[in-house]
Protein backbone atom coordinates (compact mmCIF):
# COMPACT_ATOMS: atom_id res chain seq x y z
CA UNK A 1 82.90 -15.65 107.22
CA UNK A 2 85.40 -13.28 108.73
CA UNK A 3 87.81 -11.31 107.32
CA UNK A 4 90.74 -12.28 109.56
CA UNK A 5 90.83 -16.05 109.46
CA UNK A 6 89.74 -17.65 106.40
CA UNK A 7 90.11 -21.42 105.96
CA UNK A 8 93.05 -22.83 103.73
CA UNK A 9 90.13 -24.82 101.75
CA UNK A 10 88.37 -21.42 101.02
CA UNK A 11 91.54 -19.52 99.65
CA UNK A 12 92.75 -22.73 97.97
CA UNK A 13 89.41 -23.17 96.04
CA UNK A 14 89.40 -19.69 94.89
CA UNK A 15 93.23 -19.87 93.65
CA UNK A 16 92.34 -23.11 91.76
CA UNK A 17 89.37 -21.49 90.22
CA UNK A 18 91.91 -19.44 88.27
CA UNK A 19 93.47 -22.54 86.93
CA UNK A 20 90.17 -23.70 85.26
CA UNK A 21 89.51 -22.66 81.51
CA UNK A 22 86.00 -21.56 81.98
CA UNK A 23 87.07 -19.06 84.81
CA UNK A 24 90.18 -18.07 82.63
CA UNK A 25 87.93 -17.41 79.84
CA UNK A 26 85.26 -15.25 81.77
CA UNK A 27 86.10 -11.54 82.08
CA UNK A 28 83.41 -11.13 84.48
CA UNK A 29 84.96 -14.32 86.73
CA UNK A 30 88.34 -12.97 86.24
CA UNK A 31 87.34 -9.28 87.39
CA UNK A 32 85.49 -10.79 90.37
CA UNK A 33 88.28 -12.71 91.54
CA UNK A 34 91.21 -10.23 90.97
CA UNK A 35 91.28 -7.02 93.10
CA UNK A 36 91.62 -3.66 91.82
CA UNK A 37 95.49 -2.68 91.87
CA UNK A 38 96.07 -6.44 91.25
CA UNK A 39 99.96 -6.99 90.07
CA UNK A 40 101.54 -10.25 88.99
CA UNK A 41 105.10 -11.12 88.63
CA UNK A 42 105.38 -13.94 86.07
CA UNK A 43 107.58 -17.02 86.39
CA UNK A 44 108.73 -15.62 82.94
CA UNK A 45 109.76 -12.36 84.85
CA UNK A 46 107.13 -10.37 83.31
CA UNK A 47 105.13 -7.92 85.21
CA UNK A 48 101.53 -8.12 84.62
CA UNK A 49 98.93 -5.40 85.66
CA UNK A 50 95.37 -6.58 86.34
CA UNK A 51 93.81 -5.29 82.93
CA UNK A 52 96.89 -6.96 80.96
CA UNK A 53 96.56 -10.51 82.72
CA UNK A 54 92.60 -10.41 82.32
CA UNK A 55 92.96 -9.84 78.40
CA UNK A 56 96.12 -12.41 78.18
CA UNK A 57 93.90 -15.00 80.03
CA UNK A 58 90.67 -13.98 77.81
CA UNK A 59 93.00 -15.06 74.66
CA UNK A 60 94.02 -18.27 75.86
CA UNK A 61 92.84 -21.35 73.36
CA UNK A 62 91.18 -23.98 75.67
CA UNK A 63 92.93 -26.68 73.60
CA UNK A 64 96.31 -25.09 74.60
CA UNK A 65 95.65 -25.00 78.33
CA UNK A 66 98.00 -27.09 80.43
CA UNK A 67 97.27 -29.65 83.02
CA UNK A 68 98.24 -28.07 86.57
CA UNK A 69 99.05 -30.30 89.36
CA UNK A 70 99.42 -28.48 92.77
CA UNK A 71 100.68 -29.49 96.08
CA UNK A 72 102.27 -28.09 99.49
CA UNK A 73 99.55 -25.49 100.03
CA UNK A 74 100.09 -23.39 103.04
CA UNK A 75 98.15 -20.35 104.33
CA UNK A 76 99.64 -17.45 106.47
CA UNK A 77 97.82 -14.58 107.77
CA UNK A 78 99.89 -11.54 107.21
CA UNK A 79 97.61 -8.50 108.41
CA UNK A 80 93.93 -8.31 109.40
CA UNK A 81 92.18 -8.97 106.10
CA UNK A 82 95.14 -10.31 104.30
CA UNK A 83 96.54 -13.78 103.78
CA UNK A 84 99.55 -15.17 101.98
CA UNK A 85 98.91 -18.53 99.97
CA UNK A 86 101.78 -20.39 98.93
CA UNK A 87 101.97 -23.94 96.89
CA UNK A 88 103.85 -25.68 94.11
CA UNK A 89 102.85 -26.32 90.69
CA UNK A 90 103.72 -28.85 88.28
CA UNK A 91 102.48 -27.81 84.68
CA UNK A 92 102.25 -30.55 81.83
CA UNK A 93 101.90 -28.60 78.49
CA UNK A 94 99.83 -29.97 75.42
CA UNK A 95 103.37 -30.58 73.91
CA UNK A 96 104.51 -32.74 76.84
CA UNK A 97 106.97 -30.23 78.27
CA UNK A 98 107.02 -29.76 81.84
CA UNK A 99 107.69 -26.75 84.38
CA UNK A 100 107.58 -26.67 88.23
CA UNK A 101 107.14 -23.45 90.01
CA UNK A 102 106.69 -22.04 93.40
CA UNK A 103 103.75 -19.76 93.84
CA UNK A 104 102.65 -17.23 96.04
CA UNK A 105 99.25 -15.12 96.25
CA UNK A 106 98.18 -12.36 98.52
CA UNK A 107 94.41 -12.43 99.08
CA UNK A 108 92.74 -9.56 100.63
CA UNK A 109 89.11 -9.13 102.06
CA UNK A 110 87.23 -6.44 100.47
CA UNK A 111 84.46 -6.30 102.99
CA UNK A 112 82.30 -8.83 101.02
CA UNK A 113 84.83 -11.59 99.62
CA UNK A 114 88.43 -12.41 99.04
CA UNK A 115 90.15 -11.19 95.92
CA UNK A 116 93.77 -11.87 94.64
CA UNK A 117 95.96 -8.78 95.16
CA UNK A 118 99.21 -10.06 94.06
CA UNK A 119 100.74 -13.25 92.51
CA UNK A 120 104.16 -14.37 91.87
CA UNK A 121 105.66 -17.53 90.08
CA UNK A 122 109.07 -18.48 90.44
CA UNK A 123 110.63 -21.50 88.64
CA UNK A 124 111.66 -24.30 90.70
CA UNK A 125 113.42 -27.75 90.40
CA UNK A 126 111.10 -31.01 90.44
């Protein structure tokens, strides 16, 4: 694998790993996927740094995890060793409420693997 042109399927699989409860509950897995300097602009408008988001994800109760449906993936190279992944999510919460969002993530090559440097969620209409 090279650092310049990953396959959409590779980056999508890394992104979707972050949707799975067993990854969200593993500090080692999260630290492996999220780059040093990671920042998230949450759909709620909250800004999260790497340590904060890892701590929050570790506190999630698996019974409260939403069903997440994804669609419209697109991968755009933005520089050597960096790509932008965009897609849509449809979350169905345990209580039946629903939320749609546009998602964007920047993945960077650290010389050995792809890691997420930035993520943003923006509430969207269905």
